[in-house]
């Protein structure tokens, strides 16, 4: 089985969280997302109050690690 990069395989950057209240520095994290038919790169803007794992779960993806995941799989 081989995976193809999705049609929109360019890096997608989610906008900065609008309700961020932590006043911490934001970081950009690049994550490879594995879907049934394709792979995609997603860049998340993360901070203390909006962690990457929570953002990925909201997208229907399971992060492979709880902190700073670089790989997520479609649920």
PDB file of N, CA and C in Angstrom:
ATOM      1  N   UNK A   1       0.840  -1.177   0.000  1.00  0.00           N
ATOM      2  CA  UNK A   1       0.000   0.000   0.000  1.00  0.00           C
ATOM      3  C   UNK A   1       0.884   1.239   0.000  1.00  0.00           C
ATOM      4  N   UNK A   2       0.597   2.155  -0.862  1.00  0.00           N
ATOM      5  CA  UNK A   2       1.353   3.403  -0.885  1.00  0.00           C
ATOM      6  C   UNK A   2       0.385   4.573  -0.729  1.00  0.00           C
ATOM      7  N   UNK A   3       0.864   5.598  -0.090  1.00  0.00           N
ATOM      8  CA  UNK A   3       0.054   6.789   0.136  1.00  0.00           C
ATOM      9  C   UNK A   3       0.433   7.871  -0.853  1.00  0.00           C
ATOM     10  N   UNK A   4      -0.540   8.636  -1.251  1.00  0.00           N
ATOM     11  CA  UNK A   4      -0.315   9.788  -2.110  1.00  0.00           C
ATOM     12  C   UNK A   4      -0.531  11.043  -1.286  1.00  0.00           C
ATOM     13  N   UNK A   5       0.212  12.084  -1.604  1.00  0.00           N
ATOM     14  CA  UNK A   5      -0.041  13.369  -0.953  1.00  0.00           C
ATOM     15  C   UNK A   5      -1.346  13.910  -1.502  1.00  0.00           C
ATOM     16  N   UNK A   6      -2.182  14.445  -0.644  1.00  0.00           N
ATOM     17  CA  UNK A   6      -3.482  14.977  -1.044  1.00  0.00           C
ATOM     18  C   UNK A   6      -3.345  16.124  -2.021  1.00  0.00           C
ATOM     19  N   UNK A   7      -4.438  16.440  -2.689  1.00  0.00           N
ATOM     20  CA  UNK A   7      -4.423  17.532  -3.661  1.00  0.00           C
ATOM     21  C   UNK A   7      -4.030  18.838  -3.008  1.00  0.00           C
ATOM     22  N   UNK A   8      -4.449  19.037  -1.779  1.00  0.00           N
ATOM     23  CA  UNK A   8      -4.097  20.249  -1.039  1.00  0.00           C
ATOM     24  C   UNK A   8      -2.931  19.967  -0.117  1.00  0.00           C
ATOM     25  N   UNK A   9      -1.930  19.271  -0.622  1.00  0.00           N
ATOM     26  CA  UNK A   9      -0.835  18.831   0.229  1.00  0.00           C
ATOM     27  C   UNK A   9       0.108  19.953   0.624  1.00  0.00           C
ATOM     28  N   UNK A  10      -0.114  21.146   0.144  1.00  0.00           N
ATOM     29  CA  UNK A  10       0.699  22.273   0.578  1.00  0.00           C
ATOM     30  C   UNK A  10       0.504  22.496   2.058  1.00  0.00           C
ATOM     31  N   UNK A  11       1.434  23.166   2.672  1.00  0.00           N
ATOM     32  CA  UNK A  11       1.322  23.402   4.105  1.00  0.00           C
ATOM     33  C   UNK A  11       0.155  24.317   4.399  1.00  0.00           C
ATOM     34  N   UNK A  12      -0.756  23.839   5.218  1.00  0.00           N
ATOM     35  CA  UNK A  12      -1.884  24.637   5.658  1.00  0.00           C
ATOM     36  C   UNK A  12      -1.551  25.178   7.036  1.00  0.00           C
ATOM     37  N   UNK A  13      -1.742  26.444   7.231  1.00  0.00           N
ATOM     38  CA  UNK A  13      -1.474  27.042   8.524  1.00  0.00           C
ATOM     39  C   UNK A  13      -2.791  27.466   9.133  1.00  0.00           C
ATOM     40  N   UNK A  14      -3.083  26.910  10.310  1.00  0.00           N
ATOM     41  CA  UNK A  14      -4.286  27.321  11.009  1.00  0.00           C
ATOM     42  C   UNK A  14      -4.058  28.711  11.592  1.00  0.00           C
ATOM     43  N   UNK A  15      -5.088  29.555  11.599  1.00  0.00           N
ATOM     44  CA  UNK A  15      -4.918  30.883  12.159  1.00  0.00           C
ATOM     45  C   UNK A  15      -4.650  30.819  13.656  1.00  0.00           C
ATOM     46  N   UNK A  16      -4.038  31.860  14.177  1.00  0.00           N
ATOM     47  CA  UNK A  16      -3.764  31.926  15.608  1.00  0.00           C
ATOM     48  C   UNK A  16      -5.072  31.884  16.386  1.00  0.00           C
ATOM     49  N   UNK A  17      -5.071  31.205  17.502  1.00  0.00           N
ATOM     50  CA  UNK A  17      -6.298  31.134  18.298  1.00  0.00           C
ATOM     51  C   UNK A  17      -6.756  32.521  18.724  1.00  0.00           C
ATOM     52  N   UNK A  18      -8.014  32.828  18.485  1.00  0.00           N
ATOM     53  CA  UNK A  18      -8.506  34.166  18.775  1.00  0.00           C
ATOM     54  C   UNK A  18      -8.830  34.356  20.252  1.00  0.00           C
ATOM     55  N   UNK A  19      -9.063  33.259  20.980  1.00  0.00           N
ATOM     56  CA  UNK A  19      -9.427  33.373  22.383  1.00  0.00           C
ATOM     57  C   UNK A  19      -8.266  33.034  23.311  1.00  0.00           C
ATOM     58  N   UNK A  20      -7.056  33.174  22.849  1.00  0.00           N
ATOM     59  CA  UNK A  20      -5.883  32.849  23.645  1.00  0.00           C
ATOM     60  C   UNK A  20      -5.748  33.837  24.799  1.00  0.00           C
ATOM     61  N   UNK A  21      -5.632  33.302  26.006  1.00  0.00           N
ATOM     62  CA  UNK A  21      -5.514  34.157  27.185  1.00  0.00           C
ATOM     63  C   UNK A  21      -4.248  33.889  27.975  1.00  0.00           C
ATOM     64  N   UNK A  22      -3.366  33.061  27.467  1.00  0.00           N
ATOM     65  CA  UNK A  22      -2.191  32.674  28.249  1.00  0.00           C
ATOM     66  C   UNK A  22      -1.051  33.683  28.166  1.00  0.00           C
ATOM     67  N   UNK A  23      -1.061  34.576  27.184  1.00  0.00           N
ATOM     68  CA  UNK A  23      -0.006  35.569  26.985  1.00  0.00           C
ATOM     69  C   UNK A  23       1.374  34.937  26.848  1.00  0.00           C
ATOM     70  N   UNK A  24       1.414  33.703  26.401  1.00  0.00           N
ATOM     71  CA  UNK A  24       2.671  33.002  26.163  1.00  0.00           C
ATOM     72  C   UNK A  24       3.049  33.133  24.689  1.00  0.00           C
ATOM     73  N   UNK A  25       4.291  32.820  24.386  1.00  0.00           N
ATOM     74  CA  UNK A  25       4.755  32.838  23.007  1.00  0.00           C
ATOM     75  C   UNK A  25       4.106  31.690  22.239  1.00  0.00           C
ATOM     76  N   UNK A  26       3.665  31.965  21.029  1.00  0.00           N
ATOM     77  CA  UNK A  26       3.071  30.942  20.172  1.00  0.00           C
ATOM     78  C   UNK A  26       4.163  30.280  19.347  1.00  0.00           C
ATOM     79  N   UNK A  27       3.989  28.995  19.085  1.00  0.00           N
ATOM     80  CA  UNK A  27       4.931  28.219  18.281  1.00  0.00           C
ATOM     81  C   UNK A  27       4.197  27.603  17.109  1.00  0.00           C
ATOM     82  N   UNK A  28       4.906  27.413  16.016  1.00  0.00           N
ATOM     83  CA  UNK A  28       4.342  26.723  14.852  1.00  0.00           C
ATOM     84  C   UNK A  28       4.866  25.296  14.872  1.00  0.00           C
ATOM     85  N   UNK A  29       3.959  24.345  14.752  1.00  0.00           N
ATOM     86  CA  UNK A  29       4.310  22.931  14.754  1.00  0.00           C
ATOM     87  C   UNK A  29       3.818  22.308  13.453  1.00  0.00           C
ATOM     88  N   UNK A  30       4.702  21.634  12.749  1.00  0.00           N
ATOM     89  CA  UNK A  30       4.353  20.966  11.494  1.00  0.00           C
ATOM     90  C   UNK A  30       4.021  19.512  11.784  1.00  0.00           C
ATOM     91  N   UNK A  31       2.853  19.070  11.336  1.00  0.00           N
ATOM     92  CA  UNK A  31       2.367  17.719  11.613  1.00  0.00           C
ATOM     93  C   UNK A  31       2.029  17.026  10.301  1.00  0.00           C
ATOM     94  N   UNK A  32       2.459  15.766  10.153  1.00  0.00           N
ATOM     95  CA  UNK A  32       2.058  14.944   9.018  1.00  0.00           C
ATOM     96  C   UNK A  32       0.788  14.212   9.432  1.00  0.00           C
ATOM     97  N   UNK A  33      -0.268  14.373   8.639  1.00  0.00           N
ATOM     98  CA  UNK A  33      -1.561  13.752   8.928  1.00  0.00           C
ATOM     99  C   UNK A  33      -1.798  12.608   7.949  1.00  0.00           C
ATOM    100  N   UNK A  34      -2.077  11.419   8.494  1.00  0.00           N
ATOM    101  CA  UNK A  34      -2.299  10.226   7.693  1.00  0.00           C
ATOM    102  C   UNK A  34      -3.808   9.990   7.600  1.00  0.00           C
ATOM    103  N   UNK A  35      -4.339  10.107   6.395  1.00  0.00           N
ATOM    104  CA  UNK A  35      -5.743   9.817   6.119  1.00  0.00           C
ATOM    105  C   UNK A  35      -5.797   8.483   5.369  1.00  0.00           C
ATOM    106  N   UNK A  36      -6.975   7.970   5.145  1.00  0.00           N
ATOM    107  CA  UNK A  36      -7.092   6.667   4.472  1.00  0.00           C
ATOM    108  C   UNK A  36      -6.483   6.651   3.076  1.00  0.00           C
ATOM    109  N   UNK A  37      -6.679   7.708   2.297  1.00  0.00           N
ATOM    110  CA  UNK A  37      -6.217   7.711   0.914  1.00  0.00           C
ATOM    111  C   UNK A  37      -5.044   8.649   0.650  1.00  0.00           C
ATOM    112  N   UNK A  38      -4.692   9.482   1.597  1.00  0.00           N
ATOM    113  CA  UNK A  38      -3.655  10.473   1.322  1.00  0.00           C
ATOM    114  C   UNK A  38      -2.978  10.939   2.603  1.00  0.00           C
ATOM    115  N   UNK A  39      -1.873  11.637   2.424  1.00  0.00           N
ATOM    116  CA  UNK A  39      -1.139  12.286   3.507  1.00  0.00           C
ATOM    117  C   UNK A  39      -1.233  13.788   3.312  1.00  0.00           C
ATOM    118  N   UNK A  40      -1.140  14.533   4.393  1.00  0.00           N
ATOM    119  CA  UNK A  40      -1.072  15.988   4.263  1.00  0.00           C
ATOM    120  C   UNK A  40      -0.216  16.563   5.376  1.00  0.00           C
ATOM    121  N   UNK A  41       0.405  17.695   5.097  1.00  0.00           N
ATOM    122  CA  UNK A  41       1.126  18.457   6.109  1.00  0.00           C
ATOM    123  C   UNK A  41       0.206  19.552   6.615  1.00  0.00           C
ATOM    124  N   UNK A  42       0.189  19.731   7.921  1.00  0.00           N
ATOM    125  CA  UNK A  42      -0.582  20.803   8.534  1.00  0.00           C
ATOM    126  C   UNK A  42       0.339  21.518   9.509  1.00  0.00           C
ATOM    127  N   UNK A  43       0.303  22.828   9.514  1.00  0.00           N
ATOM    128  CA  UNK A  43       1.048  23.601  10.487  1.00  0.00           C
ATOM    129  C   UNK A  43       0.065  24.179  11.491  1.00  0.00           C
ATOM    130  N   UNK A  44       0.303  23.882  12.761  1.00  0.00           N
ATOM    131  CA  UNK A  44      -0.555  24.369  13.828  1.00  0.00           C
ATOM    132  C   UNK A  44       0.155  25.467  14.601  1.00  0.00           C
ATOM    133  N   UNK A  45      -0.579  26.451  15.004  1.00  0.00           N
ATOM    134  CA  UNK A  45      -0.045  27.483  15.883  1.00  0.00           C
ATOM    135  C   UNK A  45      -0.469  27.096  17.290  1.00  0.00           C
ATOM    136  N   UNK A  46       0.515  26.761  18.119  1.00  0.00           N
ATOM    137  CA  UNK A  46       0.206  26.242  19.439  1.00  0.00           C
ATOM    138  C   UNK A  46       0.715  27.173  20.534  1.00  0.00           C
ATOM    139  N   UNK A  47       0.075  27.081  21.676  1.00  0.00           N
ATOM    140  CA  UNK A  47       0.496  27.811  22.857  1.00  0.00           C
ATOM    141  C   UNK A  47       0.031  27.025  24.068  1.00  0.00           C
ATOM    142  N   UNK A  48       0.235  27.597  25.239  1.00  0.00           N
ATOM    143  CA  UNK A  48      -0.096  26.904  26.479  1.00  0.00           C
ATOM    144  C   UNK A  48      -1.595  26.590  26.590  1.00  0.00           C
ATOM    145  N   UNK A  49      -2.456  27.489  26.139  1.00  0.00           N
ATOM    146  CA  UNK A  49      -3.898  27.272  26.289  1.00  0.00           C
ATOM    147  C   UNK A  49      -4.533  26.609  25.065  1.00  0.00           C
ATOM    148  N   UNK A  50      -3.777  26.375  24.006  1.00  0.00           N
ATOM    149  CA  UNK A  50      -4.305  25.738  22.802  1.00  0.00           C
ATOM    150  C   UNK A  50      -3.288  24.711  22.290  1.00  0.00           C
ATOM    151  N   UNK A  51      -3.126  23.575  23.012  1.00  0.00           N
ATOM    152  CA  UNK A  51      -2.101  22.589  22.647  1.00  0.00           C
ATOM    153  C   UNK A  51      -2.404  21.879  21.330  1.00  0.00           C
ATOM    154  N   UNK A  52      -1.362  21.356  20.740  1.00  0.00           N
ATOM    155  CA  UNK A  52      -1.482  20.679  19.448  1.00  0.00           C
ATOM    156  C   UNK A  52      -2.403  19.473  19.516  1.00  0.00           C
ATOM    157  N   UNK A  53      -2.299  18.678  20.566  1.00  0.00           N
ATOM    158  CA  UNK A  53      -3.124  17.472  20.667  1.00  0.00           C
ATOM    159  C   UNK A  53      -4.611  17.822  20.641  1.00  0.00           C
ATOM    160  N   UNK A  54      -5.002  18.864  21.341  1.00  0.00           N
ATOM    161  CA  UNK A  54      -6.416  19.273  21.357  1.00  0.00           C
ATOM    162  C   UNK A  54      -6.865  19.742  19.978  1.00  0.00           C
ATOM    163  N   UNK A  55      -6.015  20.486  19.272  1.00  0.00           N
ATOM    164  CA  UNK A  55      -6.366  20.954  17.934  1.00  0.00           C
ATOM    165  C   UNK A  55      -6.527  19.779  16.970  1.00  0.00           C
ATOM    166  N   UNK A  56      -5.657  18.784  17.083  1.00  0.00           N
ATOM    167  CA  UNK A  56      -5.731  17.630  16.186  1.00  0.00           C
ATOM    168  C   UNK A  56      -6.977  16.794  16.464  1.00  0.00           C
ATOM    169  N   UNK A  57      -7.305  16.574  17.724  1.00  0.00           N
ATOM    170  CA  UNK A  57      -8.502  15.806  18.066  1.00  0.00           C
ATOM    171  C   UNK A  57      -9.748  16.518  17.551  1.00  0.00           C
ATOM    172  N   UNK A  58      -9.786  17.852  17.624  1.00  0.00           N
ATOM    173  CA  UNK A  58     -10.916  18.616  17.086  1.00  0.00           C
ATOM    174  C   UNK A  58     -11.052  18.438  15.575  1.00  0.00           C
ATOM    175  N   UNK A  59      -9.953  18.132  14.895  1.00  0.00           N
ATOM    176  CA  UNK A  59      -9.967  17.888  13.445  1.00  0.00           C
ATOM    177  C   UNK A  59     -10.283  16.434  13.110  1.00  0.00           C
ATOM    178  N   UNK A  60     -10.483  15.583  14.121  1.00  0.00           N
ATOM    179  CA  UNK A  60     -10.746  14.165  13.874  1.00  0.00           C
ATOM    180  C   UNK A  60      -9.487  13.357  13.673  1.00  0.00           C
ATOM    181  N   UNK A  61      -8.371  13.849  14.204  1.00  0.00           N
ATOM    182  CA  UNK A  61      -7.086  13.168  14.063  1.00  0.00           C
ATOM    183  C   UNK A  61      -6.584  12.748  15.437  1.00  0.00           C
ATOM    184  N   UNK A  62      -5.909  11.607  15.497  1.00  0.00           N
ATOM    185  CA  UNK A  62      -5.348  11.113  16.745  1.00  0.00           C
ATOM    186  C   UNK A  62      -3.856  11.415  16.759  1.00  0.00           C
ATOM    187  N   UNK A  63      -3.396  12.261  17.688  1.00  0.00           N
ATOM    188  CA  UNK A  63      -1.964  12.570  17.751  1.00  0.00           C
ATOM    189  C   UNK A  63      -1.173  11.375  18.275  1.00  0.00           C
ATOM    190  N   UNK A  64       0.004  11.147  17.714  1.00  0.00           N
ATOM    191  CA  UNK A  64       0.808   9.996  18.120  1.00  0.00           C
ATOM    192  C   UNK A  64       1.562  10.234  19.424  1.00  0.00           C
ATOM    193  N   UNK A  65       1.659  11.471  19.878  1.00  0.00           N
ATOM    194  CA  UNK A  65       2.218  11.796  21.188  1.00  0.00           C
ATOM    195  C   UNK A  65       1.386  12.920  21.792  1.00  0.00           C
ATOM    196  N   UNK A  66       1.324  13.010  23.124  1.00  0.00           N
ATOM    197  CA  UNK A  66       0.498  14.059  23.728  1.00  0.00           C
ATOM    198  C   UNK A  66       1.116  15.454  23.639  1.00  0.00           C
ATOM    199  N   UNK A  67       2.433  15.540  23.594  1.00  0.00           N
ATOM    200  CA  UNK A  67       3.108  16.839  23.511  1.00  0.00           C
ATOM    201  C   UNK A  67       3.910  16.930  22.221  1.00  0.00           C
ATOM    202  N   UNK A  68       3.721  18.002  21.485  1.00  0.00           N
ATOM    203  CA  UNK A  68       4.455  18.256  20.239  1.00  0.00           C
ATOM    204  C   UNK A  68       4.409  17.083  19.249  1.00  0.00           C
ATOM    205  N   UNK A  69       3.239  16.601  18.903  1.00  0.00           N
ATOM    206  CA  UNK A  69       3.167  15.491  17.938  1.00  0.00           C
ATOM    207  C   UNK A  69       3.586  15.949  16.545  1.00  0.00           C
ATOM    208  N   UNK A  70       4.293  15.106  15.836  1.00  0.00           N
ATOM    209  CA  UNK A  70       4.667  15.391  14.454  1.00  0.00           C
ATOM    210  C   UNK A  70       3.949  14.464  13.489  1.00  0.00           C
ATOM    211  N   UNK A  71       3.126  13.548  14.039  1.00  0.00           N
ATOM    212  CA  UNK A  71       2.367  12.608  13.233  1.00  0.00           C
ATOM    213  C   UNK A  71       0.987  12.435  13.869  1.00  0.00           C
ATOM    214  N   UNK A  72      -0.045  12.430  13.041  1.00  0.00           N
ATOM    215  CA  UNK A  72      -1.412  12.206  13.504  1.00  0.00           C
ATOM    216  C   UNK A  72      -2.113  11.321  12.495  1.00  0.00           C
ATOM    217  N   UNK A  73      -3.059  10.500  12.991  1.00  0.00           N
ATOM    218  CA  UNK A  73      -3.757   9.541  12.150  1.00  0.00           C
ATOM    219  C   UNK A  73      -5.247   9.819  12.209  1.00  0.00           C
ATOM    220  N   UNK A  74      -5.905   9.739  11.057  1.00  0.00           N
ATOM    221  CA  UNK A  74      -7.348   9.960  10.969  1.00  0.00           C
ATOM    222  C   UNK A  74      -8.073   8.905  11.793  1.00  0.00           C
ATOM    223  N   UNK A  75      -9.047   9.352  12.602  1.00  0.00           N
ATOM    224  CA  UNK A  75      -9.823   8.402  13.402  1.00  0.00           C
ATOM    225  C   UNK A  75     -10.944   7.914  12.559  1.00  0.00           C
TER     226      UNK A  75
END
